[in-house]
Amino acid sequence: MANQDFTTGTEQNILDWFFTAGAAPTRPSAWWVGLFSVLPTANAGTGGTEHTEAGYGRQQVTLTRTNQTMNPSAAFTFGPATEDWAQTVGFGFFSAETNGTLYAFKALTTARTFYDGDSGTYATSDLAITLD
């Protein structure tokens, strides 16, 4: 399992924008963070399991770049859970609150289980993606 990955679509968009004249991809107008109980295993962003338990929902974020790292510009909170959630092992950046396109994903440094009534705040550094 990769620690972090950009999806194939994201990598193709980067290459098209940087190396191909006139092939600028359309950038999402908003960004959302979602949590995974099973991290995607393929560059296509497939094979993962995003939470669907009661009380879960993606969180809209503004992303900030520092050198080669993108992360949310402010801390934010998931929950409160209204039932126990499977263990959270990773996160991803999506183009929409539901469905949408997964652009990047990464394993969390520390997995976490949300129990009924729990909320979880993530610092900006917890959800950083680096291009190096």
N, C-alpha and C. Protein backbone atom coordinates (compact mmCIF):
# COMPACT_ATOMS: atom_id res chain seq x y z
N MET A 1 0.85 -1.18 0.00
CA MET A 1 0.00 0.00 0.00
C MET A 1 0.89 1.23 0.00
N ALA A 2 0.58 2.16 -0.87
CA ALA A 2 1.36 3.40 -0.97
C ALA A 2 1.04 4.31 0.21
N ASN A 3 2.03 5.05 0.66
CA ASN A 3 1.81 6.03 1.72
C ASN A 3 0.96 7.19 1.19
N GLN A 4 1.24 7.61 -0.02
CA GLN A 4 0.43 8.63 -0.66
C GLN A 4 0.51 8.43 -2.16
N ASP A 5 -0.49 8.94 -2.86
CA ASP A 5 -0.48 8.79 -4.30
C ASP A 5 -1.39 9.83 -4.92
N PHE A 6 -1.00 10.25 -6.09
CA PHE A 6 -1.89 11.04 -6.94
C PHE A 6 -2.55 10.06 -7.89
N THR A 7 -3.80 10.27 -8.18
CA THR A 7 -4.47 9.37 -9.10
C THR A 7 -3.91 9.57 -10.51
N THR A 8 -4.11 8.58 -11.35
CA THR A 8 -3.62 8.64 -12.73
C THR A 8 -4.16 9.88 -13.43
N GLY A 9 -5.42 10.20 -13.21
CA GLY A 9 -6.02 11.39 -13.83
C GLY A 9 -5.31 12.67 -13.43
N THR A 10 -4.94 12.79 -12.16
CA THR A 10 -4.21 13.96 -11.69
C THR A 10 -2.84 14.04 -12.33
N GLU A 11 -2.14 12.92 -12.38
CA GLU A 11 -0.82 12.90 -13.00
C GLU A 11 -0.90 13.29 -14.48
N GLN A 12 -1.91 12.79 -15.19
CA GLN A 12 -2.08 13.15 -16.60
C GLN A 12 -2.39 14.63 -16.76
N ASN A 13 -3.23 15.18 -15.85
CA ASN A 13 -3.53 16.61 -15.90
C ASN A 13 -2.28 17.46 -15.70
N ILE A 14 -1.42 17.06 -14.76
CA ILE A 14 -0.18 17.79 -14.51
C ILE A 14 0.71 17.77 -15.75
N LEU A 15 0.88 16.61 -16.34
CA LEU A 15 1.71 16.48 -17.54
C LEU A 15 1.13 17.28 -18.71
N ASP A 16 -0.19 17.20 -18.91
CA ASP A 16 -0.83 17.95 -19.99
C ASP A 16 -0.64 19.45 -19.80
N TRP A 17 -0.88 19.93 -18.59
CA TRP A 17 -0.76 21.36 -18.33
C TRP A 17 0.67 21.84 -18.52
N PHE A 18 1.63 21.08 -18.01
CA PHE A 18 3.01 21.54 -18.01
C PHE A 18 3.70 21.38 -19.36
N PHE A 19 3.44 20.30 -20.06
CA PHE A 19 4.21 19.99 -21.26
C PHE A 19 3.46 20.13 -22.58
N THR A 20 2.14 20.32 -22.57
CA THR A 20 1.39 20.36 -23.80
C THR A 20 0.69 21.70 -23.95
N ALA A 21 1.04 22.42 -25.00
CA ALA A 21 0.42 23.72 -25.24
C ALA A 21 -1.07 23.53 -25.52
N GLY A 22 -1.88 24.36 -24.91
CA GLY A 22 -3.31 24.37 -25.18
C GLY A 22 -4.08 23.24 -24.52
N ALA A 23 -3.48 22.48 -23.64
CA ALA A 23 -4.18 21.35 -23.04
C ALA A 23 -4.43 21.56 -21.55
N ALA A 24 -4.79 22.78 -21.17
CA ALA A 24 -4.99 23.07 -19.75
C ALA A 24 -6.24 22.37 -19.23
N PRO A 25 -6.11 21.53 -18.21
CA PRO A 25 -7.28 20.86 -17.64
C PRO A 25 -8.12 21.84 -16.83
N THR A 26 -9.38 21.50 -16.63
CA THR A 26 -10.27 22.31 -15.80
C THR A 26 -10.05 21.93 -14.34
N ARG A 27 -9.78 22.92 -13.54
CA ARG A 27 -9.52 22.72 -12.12
C ARG A 27 -10.83 22.71 -11.34
N PRO A 28 -10.98 21.83 -10.33
CA PRO A 28 -12.20 21.85 -9.51
C PRO A 28 -12.41 23.22 -8.87
N SER A 29 -13.66 23.60 -8.71
CA SER A 29 -13.97 24.91 -8.13
C SER A 29 -13.98 24.86 -6.60
N ALA A 30 -14.02 23.65 -6.02
CA ALA A 30 -13.99 23.48 -4.57
C ALA A 30 -13.30 22.16 -4.26
N TRP A 31 -12.78 22.05 -3.04
CA TRP A 31 -12.08 20.84 -2.60
C TRP A 31 -12.74 20.29 -1.35
N TRP A 32 -12.80 18.97 -1.28
CA TRP A 32 -13.41 18.28 -0.15
C TRP A 32 -12.46 17.19 0.34
N VAL A 33 -12.39 17.00 1.65
CA VAL A 33 -11.58 15.92 2.23
C VAL A 33 -12.53 14.82 2.68
N GLY A 34 -12.18 13.60 2.30
CA GLY A 34 -12.92 12.44 2.74
C GLY A 34 -12.00 11.49 3.48
N LEU A 35 -12.58 10.63 4.32
CA LEU A 35 -11.81 9.68 5.11
C LEU A 35 -12.07 8.26 4.61
N PHE A 36 -11.01 7.44 4.66
CA PHE A 36 -11.10 6.06 4.20
C PHE A 36 -10.91 5.08 5.35
N SER A 37 -11.69 3.99 5.31
CA SER A 37 -11.45 2.86 6.21
C SER A 37 -10.54 1.84 5.52
N VAL A 38 -10.52 1.87 4.19
CA VAL A 38 -9.57 1.09 3.39
C VAL A 38 -9.00 2.06 2.36
N LEU A 39 -7.69 2.24 2.36
CA LEU A 39 -7.05 3.18 1.44
C LEU A 39 -7.07 2.62 0.01
N PRO A 40 -7.30 3.47 -0.99
CA PRO A 40 -7.21 2.99 -2.37
C PRO A 40 -5.84 2.34 -2.61
N THR A 41 -5.82 1.35 -3.49
CA THR A 41 -4.59 0.62 -3.75
C THR A 41 -4.07 0.84 -5.15
N ALA A 42 -4.82 1.54 -5.98
CA ALA A 42 -4.43 1.71 -7.37
C ALA A 42 -4.30 3.18 -7.70
N ASN A 43 -3.43 3.48 -8.66
CA ASN A 43 -3.29 4.87 -9.11
C ASN A 43 -4.60 5.42 -9.64
N ALA A 44 -5.47 4.56 -10.09
CA ALA A 44 -6.77 5.01 -10.57
C ALA A 44 -7.64 5.53 -9.42
N GLY A 45 -7.18 5.35 -8.18
CA GLY A 45 -7.95 5.80 -7.02
C GLY A 45 -9.04 4.82 -6.66
N THR A 46 -8.92 3.58 -7.13
CA THR A 46 -9.92 2.56 -6.87
C THR A 46 -9.45 1.61 -5.78
N GLY A 47 -10.38 0.80 -5.31
CA GLY A 47 -10.04 -0.21 -4.31
C GLY A 47 -10.15 0.30 -2.89
N GLY A 48 -10.47 1.56 -2.69
CA GLY A 48 -10.60 2.11 -1.35
C GLY A 48 -12.04 2.07 -0.88
N THR A 49 -12.21 2.24 0.43
CA THR A 49 -13.54 2.31 1.03
C THR A 49 -13.65 3.60 1.83
N GLU A 50 -14.47 4.51 1.34
CA GLU A 50 -14.73 5.75 2.08
C GLU A 50 -15.80 5.47 3.12
N HIS A 51 -15.70 6.14 4.25
CA HIS A 51 -16.72 5.96 5.29
C HIS A 51 -18.10 6.30 4.75
N THR A 52 -19.10 5.59 5.25
CA THR A 52 -20.50 5.87 4.94
C THR A 52 -21.35 5.81 6.19
N GLU A 53 -20.72 5.64 7.35
CA GLU A 53 -21.46 5.48 8.59
C GLU A 53 -22.21 6.77 8.95
N ALA A 54 -23.20 6.60 9.82
CA ALA A 54 -24.02 7.73 10.25
C ALA A 54 -23.16 8.79 10.93
N GLY A 55 -23.36 10.03 10.54
CA GLY A 55 -22.62 11.15 11.10
C GLY A 55 -21.40 11.54 10.28
N TYR A 56 -21.06 10.73 9.26
CA TYR A 56 -19.90 11.03 8.42
C TYR A 56 -20.31 11.89 7.24
N GLY A 57 -19.45 12.79 6.87
CA GLY A 57 -19.61 13.58 5.65
C GLY A 57 -18.28 14.22 5.30
N ARG A 58 -18.01 14.34 4.01
CA ARG A 58 -16.78 15.04 3.59
C ARG A 58 -16.82 16.48 4.08
N GLN A 59 -15.63 17.03 4.27
CA GLN A 59 -15.50 18.41 4.75
C GLN A 59 -14.88 19.27 3.65
N GLN A 60 -15.51 20.42 3.38
CA GLN A 60 -14.96 21.33 2.38
C GLN A 60 -13.76 22.06 2.97
N VAL A 61 -12.70 22.16 2.16
CA VAL A 61 -11.47 22.80 2.62
C VAL A 61 -10.93 23.74 1.56
N THR A 62 -10.14 24.69 2.02
CA THR A 62 -9.32 25.52 1.14
C THR A 62 -7.90 24.98 1.29
N LEU A 63 -7.25 24.73 0.15
CA LEU A 63 -5.90 24.17 0.19
C LEU A 63 -4.86 25.26 0.05
N THR A 64 -3.76 25.08 0.75
CA THR A 64 -2.64 26.02 0.74
C THR A 64 -1.38 25.26 0.38
N ARG A 65 -0.55 25.86 -0.47
CA ARG A 65 0.71 25.23 -0.85
C ARG A 65 1.87 25.91 -0.14
N THR A 66 2.74 25.09 0.45
CA THR A 66 4.01 25.54 0.99
C THR A 66 5.08 24.67 0.36
N ASN A 67 5.90 25.28 -0.47
CA ASN A 67 6.91 24.54 -1.24
C ASN A 67 6.22 23.45 -2.05
N GLN A 68 6.53 22.16 -1.83
CA GLN A 68 5.92 21.08 -2.60
C GLN A 68 4.78 20.39 -1.85
N THR A 69 4.26 21.01 -0.82
CA THR A 69 3.23 20.38 0.00
C THR A 69 1.93 21.17 -0.05
N MET A 70 0.82 20.43 -0.26
CA MET A 70 -0.53 21.01 -0.20
C MET A 70 -1.22 20.46 1.03
N ASN A 71 -1.89 21.33 1.76
CA ASN A 71 -2.67 20.89 2.89
C ASN A 71 -3.78 21.90 3.15
N PRO A 72 -4.81 21.50 3.90
CA PRO A 72 -5.88 22.45 4.24
C PRO A 72 -5.31 23.66 4.97
N SER A 73 -5.92 24.81 4.74
CA SER A 73 -5.41 26.04 5.35
C SER A 73 -5.85 26.21 6.80
N ALA A 74 -6.77 25.39 7.26
CA ALA A 74 -7.23 25.47 8.66
C ALA A 74 -7.62 24.08 9.14
N ALA A 75 -7.55 23.88 10.45
CA ALA A 75 -7.99 22.63 11.04
C ALA A 75 -9.51 22.50 10.85
N PHE A 76 -10.01 21.27 10.82
CA PHE A 76 -11.44 21.05 10.68
C PHE A 76 -11.82 19.76 11.38
N THR A 77 -13.13 19.56 11.56
CA THR A 77 -13.63 18.46 12.36
C THR A 77 -14.58 17.58 11.57
N PHE A 78 -14.41 16.26 11.73
CA PHE A 78 -15.37 15.28 11.23
C PHE A 78 -16.26 14.84 12.38
N GLY A 79 -17.52 14.51 12.08
CA GLY A 79 -18.45 14.03 13.08
C GLY A 79 -19.32 15.16 13.60
N PRO A 80 -20.07 14.88 14.66
CA PRO A 80 -19.94 13.72 15.52
C PRO A 80 -20.52 12.45 14.88
N ALA A 81 -19.85 11.34 15.14
CA ALA A 81 -20.35 10.04 14.70
C ALA A 81 -21.63 9.74 15.46
N THR A 82 -22.61 9.21 14.75
CA THR A 82 -23.85 8.82 15.43
C THR A 82 -23.99 7.30 15.46
N GLU A 83 -22.90 6.63 15.17
CA GLU A 83 -22.72 5.19 15.36
C GLU A 83 -21.21 4.95 15.30
N ASP A 84 -20.75 3.80 15.70
CA ASP A 84 -19.32 3.49 15.61
C ASP A 84 -18.91 3.40 14.14
N TRP A 85 -17.74 3.98 13.80
CA TRP A 85 -17.21 3.91 12.44
C TRP A 85 -16.09 2.89 12.41
N ALA A 86 -15.88 2.32 11.24
CA ALA A 86 -14.70 1.47 11.04
C ALA A 86 -13.45 2.33 11.27
N GLN A 87 -12.32 1.70 11.52
CA GLN A 87 -11.08 2.44 11.75
C GLN A 87 -10.73 3.29 10.53
N THR A 88 -10.37 4.54 10.76
CA THR A 88 -9.97 5.46 9.70
C THR A 88 -8.48 5.32 9.48
N VAL A 89 -8.09 5.00 8.22
CA VAL A 89 -6.67 4.76 7.92
C VAL A 89 -6.08 5.77 6.95
N GLY A 90 -6.92 6.56 6.27
CA GLY A 90 -6.39 7.50 5.30
C GLY A 90 -7.40 8.55 4.91
N PHE A 91 -6.98 9.43 4.03
CA PHE A 91 -7.83 10.53 3.56
C PHE A 91 -7.58 10.75 2.08
N GLY A 92 -8.48 11.51 1.47
CA GLY A 92 -8.32 11.87 0.07
C GLY A 92 -8.91 13.23 -0.22
N PHE A 93 -8.41 13.87 -1.27
CA PHE A 93 -8.94 15.14 -1.74
C PHE A 93 -9.85 14.88 -2.93
N PHE A 94 -11.10 15.33 -2.82
CA PHE A 94 -12.13 15.12 -3.83
C PHE A 94 -12.60 16.44 -4.43
N SER A 95 -13.25 16.36 -5.58
CA SER A 95 -13.76 17.55 -6.27
C SER A 95 -15.20 17.89 -5.88
N ALA A 96 -15.85 17.07 -5.06
CA ALA A 96 -17.25 17.33 -4.71
C ALA A 96 -17.57 16.75 -3.34
N GLU A 97 -18.67 17.22 -2.76
CA GLU A 97 -19.10 16.75 -1.45
C GLU A 97 -19.54 15.29 -1.50
N THR A 98 -20.16 14.89 -2.57
CA THR A 98 -20.51 13.48 -2.80
C THR A 98 -20.08 13.13 -4.22
N ASN A 99 -19.78 11.88 -4.42
CA ASN A 99 -19.27 11.42 -5.72
C ASN A 99 -18.03 12.23 -6.07
N GLY A 100 -18.01 12.89 -7.22
CA GLY A 100 -16.85 13.69 -7.61
C GLY A 100 -15.66 12.83 -7.96
N THR A 101 -14.53 13.48 -8.17
CA THR A 101 -13.29 12.81 -8.56
C THR A 101 -12.31 12.83 -7.40
N LEU A 102 -11.69 11.70 -7.14
CA LEU A 102 -10.61 11.61 -6.16
C LEU A 102 -9.32 11.99 -6.87
N TYR A 103 -8.61 13.01 -6.38
CA TYR A 103 -7.39 13.48 -7.01
C TYR A 103 -6.11 12.99 -6.34
N ALA A 104 -6.16 12.83 -5.01
CA ALA A 104 -4.97 12.38 -4.28
C ALA A 104 -5.45 11.71 -3.00
N PHE A 105 -4.64 10.77 -2.50
CA PHE A 105 -4.97 10.10 -1.26
C PHE A 105 -3.68 9.75 -0.52
N LYS A 106 -3.84 9.54 0.80
CA LYS A 106 -2.66 9.28 1.62
C LYS A 106 -3.08 8.53 2.89
N ALA A 107 -2.19 7.69 3.38
CA ALA A 107 -2.40 7.03 4.67
C ALA A 107 -2.20 8.05 5.79
N LEU A 108 -3.00 7.96 6.83
CA LEU A 108 -2.78 8.79 8.02
C LEU A 108 -1.59 8.25 8.80
N THR A 109 -0.87 9.12 9.45
CA THR A 109 0.25 8.70 10.29
C THR A 109 -0.25 7.79 11.41
N THR A 110 -1.39 8.14 11.99
CA THR A 110 -1.99 7.36 13.05
C THR A 110 -3.45 7.08 12.71
N ALA A 111 -3.79 5.79 12.61
CA ALA A 111 -5.18 5.42 12.35
C ALA A 111 -6.03 5.80 13.56
N ARG A 112 -7.34 5.99 13.33
CA ARG A 112 -8.22 6.40 14.41
C ARG A 112 -9.57 5.73 14.25
N THR A 113 -10.17 5.35 15.36
CA THR A 113 -11.52 4.81 15.35
C THR A 113 -12.44 5.84 16.00
N PHE A 114 -13.53 6.16 15.31
CA PHE A 114 -14.55 7.05 15.84
C PHE A 114 -15.66 6.19 16.43
N TYR A 115 -16.00 6.46 17.67
CA TYR A 115 -17.10 5.75 18.33
C TYR A 115 -18.31 6.68 18.37
N ASP A 116 -19.46 6.10 18.59
CA ASP A 116 -20.71 6.86 18.66
C ASP A 116 -20.52 8.07 19.58
N GLY A 117 -20.76 9.27 19.04
CA GLY A 117 -20.61 10.50 19.81
C GLY A 117 -19.28 11.20 19.62
N ASP A 118 -18.29 10.52 19.04
CA ASP A 118 -16.97 11.12 18.83
C ASP A 118 -16.96 12.11 17.68
N SER A 119 -16.15 13.13 17.82
CA SER A 119 -15.78 14.03 16.73
C SER A 119 -14.26 14.00 16.66
N GLY A 120 -13.74 14.27 15.49
CA GLY A 120 -12.29 14.26 15.35
C GLY A 120 -11.79 15.46 14.60
N THR A 121 -10.93 16.23 15.22
CA THR A 121 -10.34 17.40 14.58
C THR A 121 -8.98 17.01 14.02
N TYR A 122 -8.75 17.42 12.79
CA TYR A 122 -7.46 17.16 12.14
C TYR A 122 -6.75 18.48 11.91
N ALA A 123 -5.49 18.52 12.33
CA ALA A 123 -4.64 19.69 12.06
C ALA A 123 -4.28 19.72 10.59
N THR A 124 -3.89 20.87 10.10
CA THR A 124 -3.54 20.98 8.68
C THR A 124 -2.40 20.05 8.32
N SER A 125 -1.46 19.85 9.21
CA SER A 125 -0.30 18.99 8.92
C SER A 125 -0.69 17.51 8.87
N ASP A 126 -1.82 17.13 9.46
CA ASP A 126 -2.28 15.74 9.41
C ASP A 126 -2.68 15.32 8.01
N LEU A 127 -3.10 16.29 7.20
CA LEU A 127 -3.67 15.99 5.88
C LEU A 127 -2.88 16.68 4.77
N ALA A 128 -1.60 16.44 4.74
CA ALA A 128 -0.70 17.07 3.76
C ALA A 128 -0.33 16.08 2.67
N ILE A 129 -0.32 16.56 1.44
CA ILE A 129 0.11 15.79 0.28
C ILE A 129 1.34 16.49 -0.30
N THR A 130 2.39 15.72 -0.55
CA THR A 130 3.64 16.30 -1.06
C THR A 130 3.96 15.76 -2.44
N LEU A 131 4.39 16.65 -3.32
CA LEU A 131 4.85 16.29 -4.66
C LEU A 131 6.35 16.49 -4.67
N ASP A 132 7.08 15.39 -4.70
CA ASP A 132 8.55 15.52 -4.69
C ASP A 132 9.19 14.62 -5.71
